[in-house]
N, C-alpha and C. Protein backbone atom coordinates (compact mmCIF):
# COMPACT_ATOMS: atom_id res chain seq x y z
N MET A 1 -105.22 -139.87 18.79
CA MET A 1 -104.45 -140.10 20.00
C MET A 1 -105.12 -139.46 21.21
N PRO A 2 -105.60 -138.20 21.12
CA PRO A 2 -106.24 -137.63 22.31
C PRO A 2 -107.47 -138.43 22.78
N LYS A 3 -108.20 -139.05 21.86
CA LYS A 3 -109.37 -139.85 22.23
C LYS A 3 -108.99 -141.26 22.66
N GLY A 4 -107.73 -141.63 22.48
CA GLY A 4 -107.29 -142.96 22.83
C GLY A 4 -107.58 -144.01 21.78
N LEU A 5 -107.97 -143.57 20.59
CA LEU A 5 -108.27 -144.51 19.52
C LEU A 5 -107.00 -145.06 18.88
N VAL A 6 -105.92 -144.29 18.96
CA VAL A 6 -104.63 -144.70 18.42
C VAL A 6 -103.63 -144.68 19.57
N LYS A 7 -102.97 -145.79 19.77
CA LYS A 7 -101.97 -145.89 20.84
C LYS A 7 -100.66 -145.24 20.39
N ASP A 8 -99.82 -144.87 21.35
CA ASP A 8 -98.53 -144.25 21.05
C ASP A 8 -97.69 -145.13 20.13
N TYR A 9 -97.61 -146.41 20.44
CA TYR A 9 -96.78 -147.31 19.62
C TYR A 9 -97.34 -147.45 18.21
N GLU A 10 -98.66 -147.34 18.05
CA GLU A 10 -99.25 -147.41 16.71
C GLU A 10 -98.89 -146.17 15.90
N ALA A 11 -98.97 -145.01 16.55
CA ALA A 11 -98.59 -143.77 15.87
C ALA A 11 -97.12 -143.80 15.49
N LEU A 12 -96.28 -144.28 16.39
CA LEU A 12 -94.85 -144.39 16.09
C LEU A 12 -94.61 -145.35 14.93
N GLY A 13 -95.33 -146.43 14.89
CA GLY A 13 -95.21 -147.38 13.78
C GLY A 13 -95.60 -146.74 12.45
N ILE A 14 -96.66 -145.96 12.46
CA ILE A 14 -97.10 -145.26 11.23
C ILE A 14 -96.03 -144.27 10.79
N VAL A 15 -95.48 -143.52 11.74
CA VAL A 15 -94.43 -142.54 11.41
C VAL A 15 -93.21 -143.25 10.82
N ILE A 16 -92.77 -144.30 11.45
CA ILE A 16 -91.60 -145.05 10.94
C ILE A 16 -91.89 -145.59 9.54
N PHE A 17 -93.07 -146.13 9.33
CA PHE A 17 -93.45 -146.66 8.02
C PHE A 17 -93.43 -145.54 6.96
N CYS A 18 -94.05 -144.41 7.27
CA CYS A 18 -94.11 -143.29 6.31
C CYS A 18 -92.73 -142.70 6.04
N PHE A 19 -91.92 -142.55 7.08
CA PHE A 19 -90.57 -142.04 6.89
C PHE A 19 -89.74 -143.00 6.04
N SER A 20 -89.95 -144.29 6.24
CA SER A 20 -89.23 -145.29 5.43
C SER A 20 -89.61 -145.17 3.96
N ILE A 21 -90.88 -145.00 3.70
CA ILE A 21 -91.33 -144.81 2.31
C ILE A 21 -90.72 -143.54 1.73
N PHE A 22 -90.66 -142.49 2.52
CA PHE A 22 -90.06 -141.23 2.08
C PHE A 22 -88.60 -141.43 1.68
N ILE A 23 -87.84 -142.12 2.53
CA ILE A 23 -86.42 -142.34 2.27
C ILE A 23 -86.22 -143.24 1.04
N ILE A 24 -87.04 -144.27 0.91
CA ILE A 24 -86.96 -145.15 -0.26
C ILE A 24 -87.28 -144.37 -1.54
N ALA A 25 -88.31 -143.52 -1.47
CA ALA A 25 -88.68 -142.72 -2.64
C ALA A 25 -87.55 -141.76 -3.01
N ALA A 26 -86.92 -141.16 -2.01
CA ALA A 26 -85.79 -140.26 -2.27
C ALA A 26 -84.64 -141.03 -2.92
N TYR A 27 -84.39 -142.23 -2.44
CA TYR A 27 -83.34 -143.07 -3.01
C TYR A 27 -83.63 -143.39 -4.48
N LYS A 28 -84.89 -143.67 -4.77
CA LYS A 28 -85.28 -144.00 -6.14
C LYS A 28 -85.17 -142.80 -7.07
N LEU A 29 -85.31 -141.58 -6.53
CA LEU A 29 -85.20 -140.39 -7.37
C LEU A 29 -83.76 -140.17 -7.84
N ASN A 30 -82.87 -139.97 -6.87
CA ASN A 30 -81.45 -139.79 -7.19
C ASN A 30 -80.64 -139.73 -5.90
N THR A 31 -79.34 -139.80 -6.04
CA THR A 31 -78.45 -139.85 -4.88
C THR A 31 -78.55 -138.59 -4.03
N LEU A 32 -78.64 -137.42 -4.66
CA LEU A 32 -78.71 -136.17 -3.90
C LEU A 32 -79.97 -136.12 -3.03
N CYS A 33 -81.10 -136.50 -3.59
CA CYS A 33 -82.34 -136.51 -2.81
C CYS A 33 -82.23 -137.48 -1.64
N PHE A 34 -81.61 -138.63 -1.87
CA PHE A 34 -81.43 -139.61 -0.80
C PHE A 34 -80.54 -139.05 0.31
N ILE A 35 -79.45 -138.40 -0.07
CA ILE A 35 -78.53 -137.83 0.92
C ILE A 35 -79.20 -136.73 1.74
N LEU A 36 -80.07 -135.95 1.09
CA LEU A 36 -80.72 -134.83 1.78
C LEU A 36 -82.02 -135.23 2.49
N SER A 37 -82.48 -136.45 2.32
CA SER A 37 -83.74 -136.86 2.93
C SER A 37 -83.76 -136.74 4.46
N PRO A 38 -82.67 -137.02 5.18
CA PRO A 38 -82.73 -136.82 6.64
C PRO A 38 -82.94 -135.35 7.03
N GLU A 39 -82.41 -134.42 6.25
CA GLU A 39 -82.62 -133.01 6.55
C GLU A 39 -84.09 -132.64 6.40
N ALA A 40 -84.73 -133.16 5.36
CA ALA A 40 -86.16 -132.90 5.15
C ALA A 40 -86.97 -133.49 6.31
N LEU A 41 -86.66 -134.71 6.67
CA LEU A 41 -87.39 -135.35 7.78
C LEU A 41 -87.16 -134.59 9.09
N PHE A 42 -85.95 -134.11 9.31
CA PHE A 42 -85.65 -133.31 10.50
C PHE A 42 -86.55 -132.07 10.55
N LEU A 43 -86.68 -131.37 9.42
CA LEU A 43 -87.54 -130.18 9.38
C LEU A 43 -88.99 -130.54 9.64
N PHE A 44 -89.46 -131.67 9.09
CA PHE A 44 -90.83 -132.11 9.33
C PHE A 44 -91.08 -132.33 10.82
N ILE A 45 -90.10 -132.90 11.48
CA ILE A 45 -90.24 -133.23 12.90
C ILE A 45 -90.10 -131.97 13.76
N ILE A 46 -89.07 -131.21 13.54
CA ILE A 46 -88.74 -130.09 14.43
C ILE A 46 -89.77 -128.97 14.39
N TYR A 47 -90.38 -128.74 13.23
CA TYR A 47 -91.32 -127.63 13.14
C TYR A 47 -92.43 -127.72 14.19
N SER A 48 -92.95 -128.91 14.40
CA SER A 48 -94.06 -129.08 15.34
C SER A 48 -93.71 -128.65 16.76
N TYR A 49 -92.45 -128.60 17.08
CA TYR A 49 -92.01 -128.27 18.44
C TYR A 49 -91.44 -126.86 18.58
N THR A 50 -91.27 -126.14 17.49
CA THR A 50 -90.54 -124.88 17.57
C THR A 50 -91.25 -123.81 18.40
N LYS A 51 -92.58 -123.80 18.44
CA LYS A 51 -93.27 -122.79 19.26
C LYS A 51 -93.00 -122.98 20.74
N ARG A 52 -92.40 -124.10 21.09
CA ARG A 52 -92.09 -124.37 22.49
C ARG A 52 -90.74 -123.80 22.91
N PHE A 53 -89.89 -123.43 21.91
CA PHE A 53 -88.57 -122.95 22.30
C PHE A 53 -88.02 -121.78 21.50
N THR A 54 -88.70 -121.31 20.45
CA THR A 54 -88.17 -120.15 19.71
C THR A 54 -89.28 -119.36 19.04
N TRP A 55 -89.12 -118.07 19.05
CA TRP A 55 -90.07 -117.20 18.34
C TRP A 55 -89.86 -117.27 16.83
N ALA A 56 -88.80 -117.90 16.38
CA ALA A 56 -88.52 -118.03 14.95
C ALA A 56 -89.29 -119.20 14.32
N CYS A 57 -90.29 -119.72 15.03
CA CYS A 57 -91.07 -120.86 14.53
C CYS A 57 -91.69 -120.57 13.17
N HIS A 58 -92.07 -119.33 12.90
CA HIS A 58 -92.67 -118.97 11.61
C HIS A 58 -91.66 -119.13 10.47
N ILE A 59 -90.43 -118.81 10.76
CA ILE A 59 -89.37 -118.94 9.76
C ILE A 59 -89.07 -120.42 9.51
N VAL A 60 -89.08 -121.22 10.55
CA VAL A 60 -88.87 -122.66 10.39
C VAL A 60 -89.99 -123.25 9.53
N LEU A 61 -91.22 -122.81 9.75
CA LEU A 61 -92.33 -123.27 8.91
C LEU A 61 -92.09 -122.88 7.46
N GLY A 62 -91.66 -121.64 7.24
CA GLY A 62 -91.36 -121.18 5.88
C GLY A 62 -90.27 -122.00 5.22
N ILE A 63 -89.21 -122.28 5.96
CA ILE A 63 -88.11 -123.09 5.42
C ILE A 63 -88.60 -124.51 5.10
N THR A 64 -89.42 -125.07 5.97
CA THR A 64 -89.95 -126.41 5.74
C THR A 64 -90.80 -126.45 4.47
N CYS A 65 -91.66 -125.45 4.31
CA CYS A 65 -92.49 -125.40 3.09
C CYS A 65 -91.64 -125.12 1.85
N ALA A 66 -90.56 -124.38 2.00
CA ALA A 66 -89.68 -124.08 0.87
C ALA A 66 -88.98 -125.34 0.35
N GLY A 67 -88.97 -126.37 1.16
CA GLY A 67 -88.39 -127.63 0.72
C GLY A 67 -89.13 -128.24 -0.46
N ALA A 68 -90.39 -127.88 -0.63
CA ALA A 68 -91.17 -128.46 -1.74
C ALA A 68 -90.64 -128.04 -3.11
N PRO A 69 -90.54 -126.74 -3.40
CA PRO A 69 -90.02 -126.39 -4.73
C PRO A 69 -88.54 -126.73 -4.90
N VAL A 70 -87.77 -126.58 -3.84
CA VAL A 70 -86.34 -126.93 -3.93
C VAL A 70 -86.20 -128.44 -4.14
N GLY A 71 -86.97 -129.22 -3.37
CA GLY A 71 -86.93 -130.67 -3.51
C GLY A 71 -87.39 -131.13 -4.89
N ALA A 72 -88.41 -130.46 -5.43
CA ALA A 72 -88.87 -130.82 -6.77
C ALA A 72 -87.78 -130.57 -7.80
N TRP A 73 -87.08 -129.45 -7.66
CA TRP A 73 -85.97 -129.14 -8.58
C TRP A 73 -84.89 -130.22 -8.49
N LEU A 74 -84.52 -130.55 -7.26
CA LEU A 74 -83.48 -131.56 -7.06
C LEU A 74 -83.93 -132.93 -7.56
N ALA A 75 -85.20 -133.23 -7.41
CA ALA A 75 -85.71 -134.51 -7.89
C ALA A 75 -85.64 -134.62 -9.41
N VAL A 76 -85.93 -133.51 -10.08
CA VAL A 76 -85.94 -133.54 -11.55
C VAL A 76 -84.54 -133.44 -12.13
N THR A 77 -83.71 -132.55 -11.56
CA THR A 77 -82.39 -132.30 -12.15
C THR A 77 -81.27 -133.08 -11.48
N GLY A 78 -81.42 -133.36 -10.19
CA GLY A 78 -80.36 -134.05 -9.46
C GLY A 78 -79.18 -133.17 -9.10
N LYS A 79 -79.34 -131.85 -9.23
CA LYS A 79 -78.24 -130.94 -8.88
C LYS A 79 -78.77 -129.60 -8.39
N PHE A 80 -77.91 -128.91 -7.65
CA PHE A 80 -78.25 -127.59 -7.13
C PHE A 80 -78.15 -126.54 -8.23
N ALA A 81 -78.90 -125.46 -8.05
CA ALA A 81 -78.83 -124.31 -8.95
C ALA A 81 -79.34 -123.09 -8.19
N LEU A 82 -79.12 -121.93 -8.73
CA LEU A 82 -79.54 -120.68 -8.09
C LEU A 82 -81.06 -120.52 -8.11
N THR A 83 -81.69 -120.91 -9.20
CA THR A 83 -83.14 -120.71 -9.36
C THR A 83 -83.96 -121.32 -8.22
N PRO A 84 -83.76 -122.57 -7.85
CA PRO A 84 -84.57 -123.12 -6.77
C PRO A 84 -84.26 -122.49 -5.41
N ILE A 85 -83.03 -122.01 -5.25
CA ILE A 85 -82.68 -121.34 -3.99
C ILE A 85 -83.46 -120.03 -3.87
N ILE A 86 -83.54 -119.29 -4.96
CA ILE A 86 -84.32 -118.04 -4.97
C ILE A 86 -85.80 -118.34 -4.74
N LEU A 87 -86.32 -119.34 -5.43
CA LEU A 87 -87.71 -119.74 -5.25
C LEU A 87 -87.96 -120.18 -3.81
N GLY A 88 -87.04 -120.94 -3.25
CA GLY A 88 -87.17 -121.38 -1.86
C GLY A 88 -87.15 -120.22 -0.89
N ALA A 89 -86.31 -119.22 -1.14
CA ALA A 89 -86.28 -118.03 -0.28
C ALA A 89 -87.60 -117.27 -0.35
N ILE A 90 -88.15 -117.18 -1.55
CA ILE A 90 -89.43 -116.49 -1.72
C ILE A 90 -90.53 -117.24 -0.96
N VAL A 91 -90.57 -118.55 -1.09
CA VAL A 91 -91.57 -119.35 -0.38
C VAL A 91 -91.39 -119.22 1.13
N THR A 92 -90.15 -119.23 1.60
CA THR A 92 -89.87 -119.06 3.02
C THR A 92 -90.46 -117.77 3.54
N LEU A 93 -90.17 -116.65 2.86
CA LEU A 93 -90.65 -115.35 3.32
C LEU A 93 -92.17 -115.23 3.20
N TRP A 94 -92.72 -115.78 2.13
CA TRP A 94 -94.17 -115.72 1.91
C TRP A 94 -94.91 -116.48 3.02
N VAL A 95 -94.52 -117.73 3.26
CA VAL A 95 -95.19 -118.55 4.26
C VAL A 95 -94.96 -117.98 5.67
N ALA A 96 -93.72 -117.61 5.98
CA ALA A 96 -93.44 -117.05 7.31
C ALA A 96 -94.23 -115.77 7.53
N GLY A 97 -94.29 -114.92 6.53
CA GLY A 97 -95.03 -113.67 6.65
C GLY A 97 -96.50 -113.89 6.95
N PHE A 98 -97.12 -114.78 6.19
CA PHE A 98 -98.54 -115.05 6.43
C PHE A 98 -98.75 -115.75 7.77
N ASP A 99 -97.82 -116.61 8.18
CA ASP A 99 -97.95 -117.27 9.47
C ASP A 99 -97.83 -116.27 10.61
N ILE A 100 -96.98 -115.27 10.46
CA ILE A 100 -96.85 -114.22 11.48
C ILE A 100 -98.16 -113.44 11.57
N ILE A 101 -98.71 -113.07 10.42
CA ILE A 101 -100.00 -112.35 10.42
C ILE A 101 -101.07 -113.21 11.10
N TYR A 102 -101.13 -114.47 10.74
CA TYR A 102 -102.12 -115.38 11.33
C TYR A 102 -101.91 -115.50 12.84
N ALA A 103 -100.67 -115.53 13.28
CA ALA A 103 -100.36 -115.70 14.70
C ALA A 103 -100.70 -114.47 15.54
N THR A 104 -100.95 -113.33 14.89
CA THR A 104 -101.32 -112.14 15.68
C THR A 104 -102.66 -112.35 16.40
N GLN A 105 -103.44 -113.30 15.93
CA GLN A 105 -104.71 -113.61 16.60
C GLN A 105 -104.49 -114.34 17.92
N ASP A 106 -103.32 -114.89 18.12
CA ASP A 106 -103.05 -115.72 19.29
C ASP A 106 -102.05 -115.11 20.27
N ILE A 107 -101.82 -113.80 20.17
CA ILE A 107 -100.80 -113.18 21.02
C ILE A 107 -101.02 -113.49 22.49
N GLU A 108 -102.21 -113.23 22.99
CA GLU A 108 -102.49 -113.43 24.43
C GLU A 108 -102.41 -114.91 24.81
N PHE A 109 -102.94 -115.79 23.97
CA PHE A 109 -102.87 -117.22 24.26
C PHE A 109 -101.42 -117.68 24.34
N ASP A 110 -100.61 -117.27 23.37
CA ASP A 110 -99.20 -117.67 23.36
C ASP A 110 -98.49 -117.18 24.60
N ARG A 111 -98.74 -115.94 24.97
CA ARG A 111 -98.09 -115.39 26.17
C ARG A 111 -98.55 -116.11 27.43
N LYS A 112 -99.84 -116.37 27.53
CA LYS A 112 -100.40 -117.01 28.72
C LYS A 112 -99.91 -118.45 28.88
N THR A 113 -99.76 -119.15 27.78
CA THR A 113 -99.38 -120.57 27.86
C THR A 113 -97.87 -120.80 27.70
N GLY A 114 -97.11 -119.71 27.52
CA GLY A 114 -95.66 -119.85 27.41
C GLY A 114 -95.16 -120.32 26.06
N LEU A 115 -96.00 -120.15 25.02
CA LEU A 115 -95.56 -120.50 23.68
C LEU A 115 -94.82 -119.31 23.07
N PHE A 116 -93.92 -119.60 22.15
CA PHE A 116 -93.11 -118.57 21.51
C PHE A 116 -93.66 -118.27 20.12
N SER A 117 -93.67 -117.00 19.78
CA SER A 117 -94.04 -116.56 18.44
C SER A 117 -93.55 -115.13 18.28
N ILE A 118 -93.43 -114.69 17.05
CA ILE A 118 -93.01 -113.31 16.80
C ILE A 118 -94.03 -112.33 17.39
N PRO A 119 -95.35 -112.54 17.21
CA PRO A 119 -96.29 -111.61 17.84
C PRO A 119 -96.20 -111.59 19.36
N ALA A 120 -96.01 -112.75 19.98
CA ALA A 120 -95.89 -112.79 21.44
C ALA A 120 -94.63 -112.08 21.92
N LYS A 121 -93.57 -112.18 21.15
CA LYS A 121 -92.28 -111.57 21.52
C LYS A 121 -92.24 -110.07 21.22
N PHE A 122 -92.71 -109.68 20.03
CA PHE A 122 -92.53 -108.31 19.57
C PHE A 122 -93.81 -107.48 19.53
N GLY A 123 -94.94 -108.08 19.87
CA GLY A 123 -96.21 -107.36 19.86
C GLY A 123 -96.79 -107.22 18.48
N LEU A 124 -97.97 -106.62 18.42
CA LEU A 124 -98.70 -106.48 17.16
C LEU A 124 -97.94 -105.60 16.17
N LYS A 125 -97.50 -104.42 16.61
CA LYS A 125 -96.78 -103.52 15.69
C LYS A 125 -95.45 -104.12 15.24
N GLY A 126 -94.75 -104.74 16.15
CA GLY A 126 -93.48 -105.37 15.79
C GLY A 126 -93.66 -106.51 14.80
N SER A 127 -94.76 -107.25 14.93
CA SER A 127 -95.05 -108.35 14.00
C SER A 127 -95.28 -107.83 12.59
N PHE A 128 -96.03 -106.77 12.49
CA PHE A 128 -96.33 -106.24 11.15
C PHE A 128 -95.11 -105.55 10.54
N ALA A 129 -94.21 -105.08 11.38
CA ALA A 129 -92.98 -104.48 10.85
C ALA A 129 -92.11 -105.55 10.25
């Protein structure tokens, strides 16, 4: 898109096509996955924008990635249980923690460009805490 090789409407068409396949696949798995598919798609979409409005963007990334093990559990069993919730919480904290560490390299850039992040908000020491 930045080079102009893909037009906006083409990218939108690809997104709609891929999201449709996602929803159909969720439907084919089981009713619960189908019902929860909009929440997964919402997380996929919203994460890309979170650095523009909240320093909790690292946590949103962690929650989005945690959807993988939780979604796999739901796909196989078709029901909720404590085990995938615990696994999802662990993945959330693991991914968010590493993303915060990684973001410490961009503190000045984030501050200068008005992006939000835990390092930009709380500084280097606050990030590691």
